[in-house]
Amino acid sequence: MAVIFKIMPAALWRAAESTGVFHGSEHDSRDGFIHFSTAAQVAETAAKHFAGQRDLLLVHVDAAKLGDRLKWEPSRDGALFPHLYGPLDLSAVIRCEALPLGPDGVPLLPLP
């Protein structure tokens, strides 16, 4: 199973849980797709975009359940990143876990 990851504030997750669908963050909406990262990309994403932010969650998603709305497109340093065009149905979510901040203010990712 290919797993992709979404870092998000806990408040956005709670709102999505109430409807069963995540429509993306403000940043996602502006770009026209929901940003995800692979296991190899998520640590850099956490450091670059989420340093200093509290109450974050790491959402694990089964990429195969997203169908052809999931596109792999060049982004940071030309690497291919998973982008979801359309809402995320929470039935594709494998699990969700809290991301505490480390001493440097960067979210601490769980070990595999």
PDB file of N, CA and C in Angstrom:
ATOM      1  N   MET A   1       0.844  -1.189   0.000  1.00  0.00           N
ATOM      2  CA  MET A   1       0.000   0.000   0.000  1.00  0.00           C
ATOM      3  C   MET A   1       0.882   1.243   0.000  1.00  0.00           C
ATOM      4  N   ALA A   2       0.630   2.146  -0.919  1.00  0.00           N
ATOM      5  CA  ALA A   2       1.342   3.422  -0.959  1.00  0.00           C
ATOM      6  C   ALA A   2       0.652   4.396  -0.008  1.00  0.00           C
ATOM      7  N   VAL A   3       1.420   4.933   0.921  1.00  0.00           N
ATOM      8  CA  VAL A   3       0.874   5.871   1.904  1.00  0.00           C
ATOM      9  C   VAL A   3       1.457   7.252   1.630  1.00  0.00           C
ATOM     10  N   ILE A   4       0.580   8.248   1.623  1.00  0.00           N
ATOM     11  CA  ILE A   4       0.995   9.644   1.527  1.00  0.00           C
ATOM     12  C   ILE A   4       0.528  10.357   2.785  1.00  0.00           C
ATOM     13  N   PHE A   5       1.077  11.530   3.024  1.00  0.00           N
ATOM     14  CA  PHE A   5       0.871  12.206   4.303  1.00  0.00           C
ATOM     15  C   PHE A   5       0.416  13.648   4.120  1.00  0.00           C
ATOM     16  N   LYS A   6      -0.443  14.064   5.052  1.00  0.00           N
ATOM     17  CA  LYS A   6      -0.920  15.449   5.100  1.00  0.00           C
ATOM     18  C   LYS A   6      -0.708  15.947   6.522  1.00  0.00           C
ATOM     19  N   ILE A   7      -0.005  17.062   6.669  1.00  0.00           N
ATOM     20  CA  ILE A   7       0.122  17.717   7.965  1.00  0.00           C
ATOM     21  C   ILE A   7      -0.942  18.797   8.011  1.00  0.00           C
ATOM     22  N   MET A   8      -1.690  18.828   9.110  1.00  0.00           N
ATOM     23  CA  MET A   8      -2.742  19.840   9.215  1.00  0.00           C
ATOM     24  C   MET A   8      -3.022  20.199  10.669  1.00  0.00           C
ATOM     25  N   PRO A   9      -3.545  21.392  10.902  1.00  0.00           N
ATOM     26  CA  PRO A   9      -3.970  21.762  12.243  1.00  0.00           C
ATOM     27  C   PRO A   9      -5.116  20.856  12.709  1.00  0.00           C
ATOM     28  N   ALA A  10      -5.107  20.542  13.985  1.00  0.00           N
ATOM     29  CA  ALA A  10      -6.130  19.669  14.544  1.00  0.00           C
ATOM     30  C   ALA A  10      -7.538  20.222  14.320  1.00  0.00           C
ATOM     31  N   ALA A  11      -7.688  21.530  14.337  1.00  0.00           N
ATOM     32  CA  ALA A  11      -9.015  22.132  14.141  1.00  0.00           C
ATOM     33  C   ALA A  11      -9.569  21.800  12.751  1.00  0.00           C
ATOM     34  N   LEU A  12      -8.716  21.796  11.723  1.00  0.00           N
ATOM     35  CA  LEU A  12      -9.179  21.432  10.377  1.00  0.00           C
ATOM     36  C   LEU A  12      -9.602  19.967  10.332  1.00  0.00           C
ATOM     37  N   TRP A  13      -8.862  19.114  11.023  1.00  0.00           N
ATOM     38  CA  TRP A  13      -9.204  17.691  11.069  1.00  0.00           C
ATOM     39  C   TRP A  13     -10.560  17.489  11.743  1.00  0.00           C
ATOM     40  N   ARG A  14     -10.780  18.165  12.866  1.00  0.00           N
ATOM     41  CA  ARG A  14     -12.067  18.016  13.574  1.00  0.00           C
ATOM     42  C   ARG A  14     -13.228  18.451  12.685  1.00  0.00           C
ATOM     43  N   ALA A  15     -13.045  19.522  11.934  1.00  0.00           N
ATOM     44  CA  ALA A  15     -14.095  19.976  11.017  1.00  0.00           C
ATOM     45  C   ALA A  15     -14.351  18.928   9.941  1.00  0.00           C
ATOM     46  N   ALA A  16     -13.280  18.321   9.416  1.00  0.00           N
ATOM     47  CA  ALA A  16     -13.437  17.286   8.397  1.00  0.00           C
ATOM     48  C   ALA A  16     -14.127  16.049   8.969  1.00  0.00           C
ATOM     49  N   GLU A  17     -13.798  15.694  10.198  1.00  0.00           N
ATOM     50  CA  GLU A  17     -14.438  14.535  10.830  1.00  0.00           C
ATOM     51  C   GLU A  17     -15.948  14.721  10.947  1.00  0.00           C
ATOM     52  N   SER A  18     -16.377  15.944  11.155  1.00  0.00           N
ATOM     53  CA  SER A  18     -17.815  16.191  11.325  1.00  0.00           C
ATOM     54  C   SER A  18     -18.583  15.972  10.026  1.00  0.00           C
ATOM     55  N   THR A  19     -17.907  16.086   8.875  1.00  0.00           N
ATOM     56  CA  THR A  19     -18.581  15.912   7.591  1.00  0.00           C
ATOM     57  C   THR A  19     -18.124  14.664   6.831  1.00  0.00           C
ATOM     58  N   GLY A  20     -16.981  14.089   7.259  1.00  0.00           N
ATOM     59  CA  GLY A  20     -16.436  12.928   6.570  1.00  0.00           C
ATOM     60  C   GLY A  20     -15.609  13.271   5.345  1.00  0.00           C
ATOM     61  N   VAL A  21     -15.379  14.584   5.134  1.00  0.00           N
ATOM     62  CA  VAL A  21     -14.645  15.046   3.954  1.00  0.00           C
ATOM     63  C   VAL A  21     -13.737  16.213   4.351  1.00  0.00           C
ATOM     64  N   PHE A  22     -12.503  16.199   3.811  1.00  0.00           N
ATOM     65  CA  PHE A  22     -11.578  17.310   4.009  1.00  0.00           C
ATOM     66  C   PHE A  22     -11.454  18.047   2.683  1.00  0.00           C
ATOM     67  N   HIS A  23     -11.761  19.331   2.695  1.00  0.00           N
ATOM     68  CA  HIS A  23     -11.736  20.136   1.465  1.00  0.00           C
ATOM     69  C   HIS A  23     -10.433  20.898   1.281  1.00  0.00           C
ATOM     70  N   GLY A  24      -9.514  20.732   2.200  1.00  0.00           N
ATOM     71  CA  GLY A  24      -8.222  21.385   2.083  1.00  0.00           C
ATOM     72  C   GLY A  24      -8.100  22.593   2.997  1.00  0.00           C
ATOM     73  N   SER A  25      -6.850  22.991   3.172  1.00  0.00           N
ATOM     74  CA  SER A  25      -6.548  24.180   3.963  1.00  0.00           C
ATOM     75  C   SER A  25      -6.719  25.416   3.083  1.00  0.00           C
ATOM     76  N   GLU A  26      -6.531  26.570   3.666  1.00  0.00           N
ATOM     77  CA  GLU A  26      -6.574  27.815   2.896  1.00  0.00           C
ATOM     78  C   GLU A  26      -5.503  27.786   1.802  1.00  0.00           C
ATOM     79  N   HIS A  27      -4.332  27.293   2.153  1.00  0.00           N
ATOM     80  CA  HIS A  27      -3.226  27.172   1.185  1.00  0.00           C
ATOM     81  C   HIS A  27      -3.604  26.221   0.044  1.00  0.00           C
ATOM     82  N   ASP A  28      -4.220  25.080   0.397  1.00  0.00           N
ATOM     83  CA  ASP A  28      -4.662  24.124  -0.632  1.00  0.00           C
ATOM     84  C   ASP A  28      -5.685  24.773  -1.561  1.00  0.00           C
ATOM     85  N   SER A  29      -6.642  25.449  -0.989  1.00  0.00           N
ATOM     86  CA  SER A  29      -7.693  26.084  -1.793  1.00  0.00           C
ATOM     87  C   SER A  29      -7.112  27.106  -2.763  1.00  0.00           C
ATOM     88  N   ARG A  30      -6.140  27.859  -2.296  1.00  0.00           N
ATOM     89  CA  ARG A  30      -5.502  28.856  -3.149  1.00  0.00           C
ATOM     90  C   ARG A  30      -4.791  28.204  -4.342  1.00  0.00           C
ATOM     91  N   ASP A  31      -4.178  27.034  -4.106  1.00  0.00           N
ATOM     92  CA  ASP A  31      -3.428  26.354  -5.159  1.00  0.00           C
ATOM     93  C   ASP A  31      -4.309  25.458  -6.043  1.00  0.00           C
ATOM     94  N   GLY A  32      -5.523  25.170  -5.603  1.00  0.00           N
ATOM     95  CA  GLY A  32      -6.442  24.378  -6.415  1.00  0.00           C
ATOM     96  C   GLY A  32      -6.327  22.876  -6.232  1.00  0.00           C
ATOM     97  N   PHE A  33      -5.568  22.440  -5.237  1.00  0.00           N
ATOM     98  CA  PHE A  33      -5.426  21.012  -4.943  1.00  0.00           C
ATOM     99  C   PHE A  33      -4.978  20.861  -3.497  1.00  0.00           C
ATOM    100  N   ILE A  34      -5.132  19.644  -2.941  1.00  0.00           N
ATOM    101  CA  ILE A  34      -4.681  19.357  -1.585  1.00  0.00           C
ATOM    102  C   ILE A  34      -3.251  18.833  -1.668  1.00  0.00           C
ATOM    103  N   HIS A  35      -2.362  19.482  -0.948  1.00  0.00           N
ATOM    104  CA  HIS A  35      -0.944  19.109  -0.910  1.00  0.00           C
ATOM    105  C   HIS A  35      -0.737  17.897  -0.007  1.00  0.00           C
ATOM    106  N   PHE A  36       0.017  16.929  -0.500  1.00  0.00           N
ATOM    107  CA  PHE A  36       0.452  15.787   0.294  1.00  0.00           C
ATOM    108  C   PHE A  36       1.953  15.643   0.141  1.00  0.00           C
ATOM    109  N   SER A  37       2.549  14.802   0.976  1.00  0.00           N
ATOM    110  CA  SER A  37       3.971  14.478   0.890  1.00  0.00           C
ATOM    111  C   SER A  37       4.128  12.972   0.984  1.00  0.00           C
ATOM    112  N   THR A  38       5.218  12.472   0.424  1.00  0.00           N
ATOM    113  CA  THR A  38       5.576  11.072   0.597  1.00  0.00           C
ATOM    114  C   THR A  38       6.328  10.941   1.921  1.00  0.00           C
ATOM    115  N   ALA A  39       6.627   9.703   2.307  1.00  0.00           N
ATOM    116  CA  ALA A  39       7.402   9.466   3.524  1.00  0.00           C
ATOM    117  C   ALA A  39       8.768  10.144   3.439  1.00  0.00           C
ATOM    118  N   ALA A  40       9.348  10.162   2.252  1.00  0.00           N
ATOM    119  CA  ALA A  40      10.666  10.779   2.068  1.00  0.00           C
ATOM    120  C   ALA A  40      10.608  12.304   2.083  1.00  0.00           C
ATOM    121  N   GLN A  41       9.442  12.886   1.875  1.00  0.00           N
ATOM    122  CA  GLN A  41       9.295  14.338   1.769  1.00  0.00           C
ATOM    123  C   GLN A  41       8.717  14.998   3.013  1.00  0.00           C
ATOM    124  N   VAL A  42       8.044  14.234   3.863  1.00  0.00           N
ATOM    125  CA  VAL A  42       7.238  14.841   4.920  1.00  0.00           C
ATOM    126  C   VAL A  42       8.070  15.571   5.975  1.00  0.00           C
ATOM    127  N   ALA A  43       9.274  15.115   6.282  1.00  0.00           N
ATOM    128  CA  ALA A  43      10.094  15.812   7.282  1.00  0.00           C
ATOM    129  C   ALA A  43      10.469  17.208   6.797  1.00  0.00           C
ATOM    130  N   GLU A  44      10.855  17.329   5.532  1.00  0.00           N
ATOM    131  CA  GLU A  44      11.195  18.642   4.991  1.00  0.00           C
ATOM    132  C   GLU A  44       9.953  19.535   4.920  1.00  0.00           C
ATOM    133  N   THR A  45       8.805  18.951   4.579  1.00  0.00           N
ATOM    134  CA  THR A  45       7.557  19.715   4.562  1.00  0.00           C
ATOM    135  C   THR A  45       7.250  20.254   5.953  1.00  0.00           C
ATOM    136  N   ALA A  46       7.424  19.408   6.976  1.00  0.00           N
ATOM    137  CA  ALA A  46       7.157  19.834   8.356  1.00  0.00           C
ATOM    138  C   ALA A  46       8.058  20.995   8.745  1.00  0.00           C
ATOM    139  N   ALA A  47       9.345  20.882   8.422  1.00  0.00           N
ATOM    140  CA  ALA A  47      10.300  21.931   8.789  1.00  0.00           C
ATOM    141  C   ALA A  47      10.058  23.219   8.020  1.00  0.00           C
ATOM    142  N   LYS A  48       9.760  23.102   6.736  1.00  0.00           N
ATOM    143  CA  LYS A  48       9.623  24.283   5.875  1.00  0.00           C
ATOM    144  C   LYS A  48       8.305  25.034   6.087  1.00  0.00           C
ATOM    145  N   HIS A  49       7.220  24.295   6.270  1.00  0.00           N
ATOM    146  CA  HIS A  49       5.902  24.933   6.282  1.00  0.00           C
ATOM    147  C   HIS A  49       5.181  24.943   7.634  1.00  0.00           C
ATOM    148  N   PHE A  50       5.665  24.169   8.621  1.00  0.00           N
ATOM    149  CA  PHE A  50       4.908  24.040   9.862  1.00  0.00           C
ATOM    150  C   PHE A  50       5.716  24.315  11.125  1.00  0.00           C
ATOM    151  N   ALA A  51       6.950  24.783  11.003  1.00  0.00           N
ATOM    152  CA  ALA A  51       7.765  25.087  12.180  1.00  0.00           C
ATOM    153  C   ALA A  51       7.060  26.116  13.056  1.00  0.00           C
ATOM    154  N   GLY A  52       7.070  25.852  14.341  1.00  0.00           N
ATOM    155  CA  GLY A  52       6.474  26.765  15.311  1.00  0.00           C
ATOM    156  C   GLY A  52       4.972  26.639  15.477  1.00  0.00           C
ATOM    157  N   GLN A  53       4.318  25.839  14.660  1.00  0.00           N
ATOM    158  CA  GLN A  53       2.863  25.682  14.766  1.00  0.00           C
ATOM    159  C   GLN A  53       2.524  24.539  15.736  1.00  0.00           C
ATOM    160  N   ARG A  54       1.602  24.805  16.604  1.00  0.00           N
ATOM    161  CA  ARG A  54       1.165  23.804  17.592  1.00  0.00           C
ATOM    162  C   ARG A  54      -0.136  23.153  17.134  1.00  0.00           C
ATOM    163  N   ASP A  55      -0.493  22.076  17.815  1.00  0.00           N
ATOM    164  CA  ASP A  55      -1.748  21.357  17.558  1.00  0.00           C
ATOM    165  C   ASP A  55      -1.836  20.861  16.120  1.00  0.00           C
ATOM    166  N   LEU A  56      -0.756  20.236  15.663  1.00  0.00           N
ATOM    167  CA  LEU A  56      -0.733  19.669  14.316  1.00  0.00           C
ATOM    168  C   LEU A  56      -0.972  18.169  14.372  1.00  0.00           C
ATOM    169  N   LEU A  57      -1.493  17.658  13.276  1.00  0.00           N
ATOM    170  CA  LEU A  57      -1.705  16.222  13.117  1.00  0.00           C
ATOM    171  C   LEU A  57      -1.022  15.752  11.844  1.00  0.00           C
ATOM    172  N   LEU A  58      -0.602  14.496  11.860  1.00  0.00           N
ATOM    173  CA  LEU A  58      -0.086  13.841  10.667  1.00  0.00           C
ATOM    174  C   LEU A  58      -1.125  12.819  10.242  1.00  0.00           C
ATOM    175  N   VAL A  59      -1.687  13.043   9.061  1.00  0.00           N
ATOM    176  CA  VAL A  59      -2.739  12.171   8.533  1.00  0.00           C
ATOM    177  C   VAL A  59      -2.106  11.240   7.496  1.00  0.00           C
ATOM    178  N   HIS A  60      -2.300   9.936   7.704  1.00  0.00           N
ATOM    179  CA  HIS A  60      -1.776   8.904   6.802  1.00  0.00           C
ATOM    180  C   HIS A  60      -2.912   8.507   5.855  1.00  0.00           C
ATOM    181  N   VAL A  61      -2.666   8.546   4.556  1.00  0.00           N
ATOM    182  CA  VAL A  61      -3.717   8.312   3.561  1.00  0.00           C
ATOM    183  C   VAL A  61      -3.277   7.211   2.598  1.00  0.00           C
ATOM    184  N   ASP A  62      -4.203   6.311   2.298  1.00  0.00           N
ATOM    185  CA  ASP A  62      -3.979   5.253   1.303  1.00  0.00           C
ATOM    186  C   ASP A  62      -4.127   5.886  -0.084  1.00  0.00           C
ATOM    187  N   ALA A  63      -3.007   6.078  -0.757  1.00  0.00           N
ATOM    188  CA  ALA A  63      -3.015   6.765  -2.046  1.00  0.00           C
ATOM    189  C   ALA A  63      -3.871   6.043  -3.086  1.00  0.00           C
ATOM    190  N   ALA A  64      -3.923   4.733  -3.029  1.00  0.00           N
ATOM    191  CA  ALA A  64      -4.680   3.958  -4.024  1.00  0.00           C
ATOM    192  C   ALA A  64      -6.176   4.268  -3.969  1.00  0.00           C
ATOM    193  N   LYS A  65      -6.660   4.690  -2.828  1.00  0.00           N
ATOM    194  CA  LYS A  65      -8.088   4.990  -2.684  1.00  0.00           C
ATOM    195  C   LYS A  65      -8.480   6.350  -3.266  1.00  0.00           C
ATOM    196  N   LEU A  66      -7.506   7.115  -3.733  1.00  0.00           N
ATOM    197  CA  LEU A  66      -7.798   8.451  -4.248  1.00  0.00           C
ATOM    198  C   LEU A  66      -8.051   8.466  -5.754  1.00  0.00           C
ATOM    199  N   GLY A  67      -7.741   7.366  -6.411  1.00  0.00           N
ATOM    200  CA  GLY A  67      -8.035   7.241  -7.842  1.00  0.00           C
ATOM    201  C   GLY A  67      -7.263   8.221  -8.692  1.00  0.00           C
ATOM    202  N   ASP A  68      -7.851   8.549  -9.834  1.00  0.00           N
ATOM    203  CA  ASP A  68      -7.147   9.402 -10.804  1.00  0.00           C
ATOM    204  C   ASP A  68      -7.176  10.882 -10.453  1.00  0.00           C
ATOM    205  N   ARG A  69      -7.787  11.242  -9.328  1.00  0.00           N
ATOM    206  CA  ARG A  69      -7.741  12.637  -8.870  1.00  0.00           C
ATOM    207  C   ARG A  69      -6.395  12.963  -8.228  1.00  0.00           C
ATOM    208  N   LEU A  70      -5.589  11.903  -7.916  1.00  0.00           N
ATOM    209  CA  LEU A  70      -4.262  12.104  -7.350  1.00  0.00           C
ATOM    210  C   LEU A  70      -3.255  12.213  -8.489  1.00  0.00           C
ATOM    211  N   LYS A  71      -2.572  13.334  -8.538  1.00  0.00           N
ATOM    212  CA  LYS A  71      -1.581  13.604  -9.586  1.00  0.00           C
ATOM    213  C   LYS A  71      -0.213  13.782  -8.935  1.00  0.00           C
ATOM    214  N   TRP A  72       0.808  13.274  -9.594  1.00  0.00           N
ATOM    215  CA  TRP A  72       2.191  13.435  -9.130  1.00  0.00           C
ATOM    216  C   TRP A  72       2.820  14.531  -9.975  1.00  0.00           C
ATOM    217  N   GLU A  73       3.121  15.655  -9.315  1.00  0.00           N
ATOM    218  CA  GLU A  73       3.569  16.834 -10.052  1.00  0.00           C
ATOM    219  C   GLU A  73       4.860  17.400  -9.453  1.00  0.00           C
ATOM    220  N   PRO A  74       5.711  17.985 -10.314  1.00  0.00           N
ATOM    221  CA  PRO A  74       6.961  18.563  -9.814  1.00  0.00           C
ATOM    222  C   PRO A  74       6.694  19.739  -8.878  1.00  0.00           C
ATOM    223  N   SER A  75       7.484  19.790  -7.820  1.00  0.00           N
ATOM    224  CA  SER A  75       7.382  20.883  -6.864  1.00  0.00           C
ATOM    225  C   SER A  75       8.783  21.186  -6.360  1.00  0.00           C
ATOM    226  N   ARG A  76       8.972  21.196  -5.076  1.00  0.00           N
ATOM    227  CA  ARG A  76      10.234  21.563  -4.441  1.00  0.00           C
ATOM    228  C   ARG A  76      11.418  20.822  -5.074  1.00  0.00           C
ATOM    229  N   ASP A  77      12.355  21.552  -5.598  1.00  0.00           N
ATOM    230  CA  ASP A  77      13.564  20.999  -6.225  1.00  0.00           C
ATOM    231  C   ASP A  77      13.254  20.008  -7.342  1.00  0.00           C
ATOM    232  N   GLY A  78      12.099  20.154  -7.982  1.00  0.00           N
ATOM    233  CA  GLY A  78      11.729  19.293  -9.095  1.00  0.00           C
ATOM    234  C   GLY A  78      11.209  17.924  -8.692  1.00  0.00           C
ATOM    235  N   ALA A  79      11.157  17.639  -7.391  1.00  0.00           N
ATOM    236  CA  ALA A  79      10.648  16.341  -6.921  1.00  0.00           C
ATOM    237  C   ALA A  79       9.158  16.232  -7.201  1.00  0.00           C
ATOM    238  N   LEU A  80       8.692  15.021  -7.474  1.00  0.00           N
ATOM    239  CA  LEU A  80       7.265  14.795  -7.700  1.00  0.00           C
ATOM    240  C   LEU A  80       6.545  14.679  -6.361  1.00  0.00           C
ATOM    241  N   PHE A  81       5.523  15.500  -6.197  1.00  0.00           N
ATOM    242  CA  PHE A  81       4.713  15.497  -4.979  1.00  0.00           C
ATOM    243  C   PHE A  81       3.294  15.071  -5.329  1.00  0.00           C
ATOM    244  N   PRO A  82       2.628  14.374  -4.401  1.00  0.00           N
ATOM    245  CA  PRO A  82       1.239  13.994  -4.630  1.00  0.00           C
ATOM    246  C   PRO A  82       0.295  15.171  -4.362  1.00  0.00           C
ATOM    247  N   HIS A  83      -0.551  15.466  -5.343  1.00  0.00           N
ATOM    248  CA  HIS A  83      -1.549  16.541  -5.243  1.00  0.00           C
ATOM    249  C   HIS A  83      -2.910  15.942  -5.540  1.00  0.00           C
ATOM    250  N   LEU A  84      -3.864  16.192  -4.655  1.00  0.00           N
ATOM    251  CA  LEU A  84      -5.217  15.666  -4.837  1.00  0.00           C
ATOM    252  C   LEU A  84      -6.120  16.774  -5.363  1.00  0.00           C
ATOM    253  N   TYR A  85      -6.687  16.535  -6.538  1.00  0.00           N
ATOM    254  CA  TYR A  85      -7.619  17.480  -7.152  1.00  0.00           C
ATOM    255  C   TYR A  85      -9.030  17.061  -6.779  1.00  0.00           C
ATOM    256  N   GLY A  86      -9.541  17.698  -5.745  1.00  0.00           N
ATOM    257  CA  GLY A  86     -10.855  17.380  -5.212  1.00  0.00           C
ATOM    258  C   GLY A  86     -10.736  17.103  -3.725  1.00  0.00           C
ATOM    259  N   PRO A  87     -11.855  16.903  -3.065  1.00  0.00           N
ATOM    260  CA  PRO A  87     -11.836  16.694  -1.619  1.00  0.00           C
ATOM    261  C   PRO A  87     -11.293  15.313  -1.246  1.00  0.00           C
ATOM    262  N   LEU A  88     -10.803  15.224  -0.019  1.00  0.00           N
ATOM    263  CA  LEU A  88     -10.330  13.965   0.538  1.00  0.00           C
ATOM    264  C   LEU A  88     -11.456  13.323   1.329  1.00  0.00           C
ATOM    265  N   ASP A  89     -11.944  12.196   0.842  1.00  0.00           N
ATOM    266  CA  ASP A  89     -12.933  11.415   1.585  1.00  0.00           C
ATOM    267  C   ASP A  89     -12.185  10.719   2.716  1.00  0.00           C
ATOM    268  N   LEU A  90     -12.647  10.886   3.943  1.00  0.00           N
ATOM    269  CA  LEU A  90     -11.915  10.356   5.084  1.00  0.00           C
ATOM    270  C   LEU A  90     -11.886   8.837   5.127  1.00  0.00           C
ATOM    271  N   SER A  91     -12.639   8.170   4.263  1.00  0.00           N
ATOM    272  CA  SER A  91     -12.555   6.710   4.194  1.00  0.00           C
ATOM    273  C   SER A  91     -11.189   6.261   3.666  1.00  0.00           C
ATOM    274  N   ALA A  92     -10.427   7.160   3.046  1.00  0.00           N
ATOM    275  CA  ALA A  92      -9.092   6.842   2.549  1.00  0.00           C
ATOM    276  C   ALA A  92      -8.016   7.009   3.625  1.00  0.00           C
ATOM    277  N   VAL A  93      -8.399   7.545   4.781  1.00  0.00           N
ATOM    278  CA  VAL A  93      -7.443   7.803   5.858  1.00  0.00           C
ATOM    279  C   VAL A  93      -7.178   6.515   6.635  1.00  0.00           C
ATOM    280  N   ILE A  94      -5.908   6.217   6.799  1.00  0.00           N
ATOM    281  CA  ILE A  94      -5.488   5.027   7.537  1.00  0.00           C
ATOM    282  C   ILE A  94      -5.415   5.323   9.020  1.00  0.00           C
ATOM    283  N   ARG A  95      -4.766   6.432   9.353  1.00  0.00           N
ATOM    284  CA  ARG A  95      -4.695   6.862  10.755  1.00  0.00           C
ATOM    285  C   ARG A  95      -4.256   8.317  10.826  1.00  0.00           C
ATOM    286  N   CYS A  96      -4.371   8.852  12.016  1.00  0.00           N
ATOM    287  CA  CYS A  96      -4.064  10.247  12.269  1.00  0.00           C
ATOM    288  C   CYS A  96      -3.384  10.313  13.633  1.00  0.00           C
ATOM    289  N   GLU A  97      -2.295  11.070  13.727  1.00  0.00           N
ATOM    290  CA  GLU A  97      -1.590  11.151  15.002  1.00  0.00           C
ATOM    291  C   GLU A  97      -1.071  12.564  15.251  1.00  0.00           C
ATOM    292  N   ALA A  98      -0.934  12.885  16.527  1.00  0.00           N
ATOM    293  CA  ALA A  98      -0.464  14.205  16.938  1.00  0.00           C
ATOM    294  C   ALA A  98       1.011  14.383  16.595  1.00  0.00           C
ATOM    295  N   LEU A  99       1.379  15.616  16.249  1.00  0.00           N
ATOM    296  CA  LEU A  99       2.768  15.977  15.967  1.00  0.00           C
ATOM    297  C   LEU A  99       3.214  17.031  16.978  1.00  0.00           C
ATOM    298  N   PRO A 100       3.867  16.608  18.047  1.00  0.00           N
ATOM    299  CA  PRO A 100       4.385  17.599  18.994  1.00  0.00           C
ATOM    300  C   PRO A 100       5.562  18.341  18.384  1.00  0.00           C
ATOM    301  N   LEU A 101       5.848  19.495  18.938  1.00  0.00           N
ATOM    302  CA  LEU A 101       7.002  20.261  18.471  1.00  0.00           C
ATOM    303  C   LEU A 101       8.260  19.806  19.194  1.00  0.00           C
ATOM    304  N   GLY A 102       9.352  19.725  18.465  1.00  0.00           N
ATOM    305  CA  GLY A 102      10.643  19.419  19.060  1.00  0.00           C
ATOM    306  C   GLY A 102      11.249  20.670  19.661  1.00  0.00           C
ATOM    307  N   PRO A 103      12.394  20.549  20.298  1.00  0.00           N
ATOM    308  CA  PRO A 103      13.041  21.708  20.931  1.00  0.00           C
ATOM    309  C   PRO A 103      13.391  22.817  19.946  1.00  0.00           C
ATOM    310  N   ASP A 104      13.547  22.461  18.675  1.00  0.00           N
ATOM    311  CA  ASP A 104      13.861  23.464  17.649  1.00  0.00           C
ATOM    312  C   ASP A 104      12.613  24.078  17.021  1.00  0.00           C
ATOM    313  N   GLY A 105      11.422  23.676  17.518  1.00  0.00           N
ATOM    314  CA  GLY A 105      10.173  24.227  16.997  1.00  0.00           C
ATOM    315  C   GLY A 105       9.644  23.522  15.767  1.00  0.00           C
ATOM    316  N   VAL A 106      10.339  22.484  15.319  1.00  0.00           N
ATOM    317  CA  VAL A 106       9.889  21.714  14.144  1.00  0.00           C
ATOM    318  C   VAL A 106       9.065  20.532  14.634  1.00  0.00           C
ATOM    319  N   PRO A 107       7.943  20.231  13.984  1.00  0.00           N
ATOM    320  CA  PRO A 107       7.134  19.088  14.397  1.00  0.00           C
ATOM    321  C   PRO A 107       7.951  17.793  14.378  1.00  0.00           C
ATOM    322  N   LEU A 108       7.792  16.997  15.436  1.00  0.00           N
ATOM    323  CA  LEU A 108       8.480  15.718  15.555  1.00  0.00           C
ATOM    324  C   LEU A 108       7.661  14.643  14.858  1.00  0.00           C
ATOM    325  N   LEU A 109       8.246  14.052  13.839  1.00  0.00           N
ATOM    326  CA  LEU A 109       7.563  12.993  13.103  1.00  0.00           C
ATOM    327  C   LEU A 109       7.793  11.671  13.802  1.00  0.00           C
ATOM    328  N   PRO A 110       6.776  10.802  13.813  1.00  0.00           N
ATOM    329  CA  PRO A 110       6.948   9.483  14.432  1.00  0.00           C
ATOM    330  C   PRO A 110       7.926   8.639  13.616  1.00  0.00           C
ATOM    331  N   LEU A 111       8.633   7.783  14.310  1.00  0.00           N
ATOM    332  CA  LEU A 111       9.537   6.867  13.611  1.00  0.00           C
ATOM    333  C   LEU A 111       8.716   5.816  12.879  1.00  0.00           C
ATOM    334  N   PRO A 112       9.212   5.352  11.722  1.00  0.00           N
ATOM    335  CA  PRO A 112       8.452   4.330  10.967  1.00  0.00           C
ATOM    336  C   PRO A 112       8.331   3.028  11.718  1.00  0.00           C
TER     337      PRO A 112
END
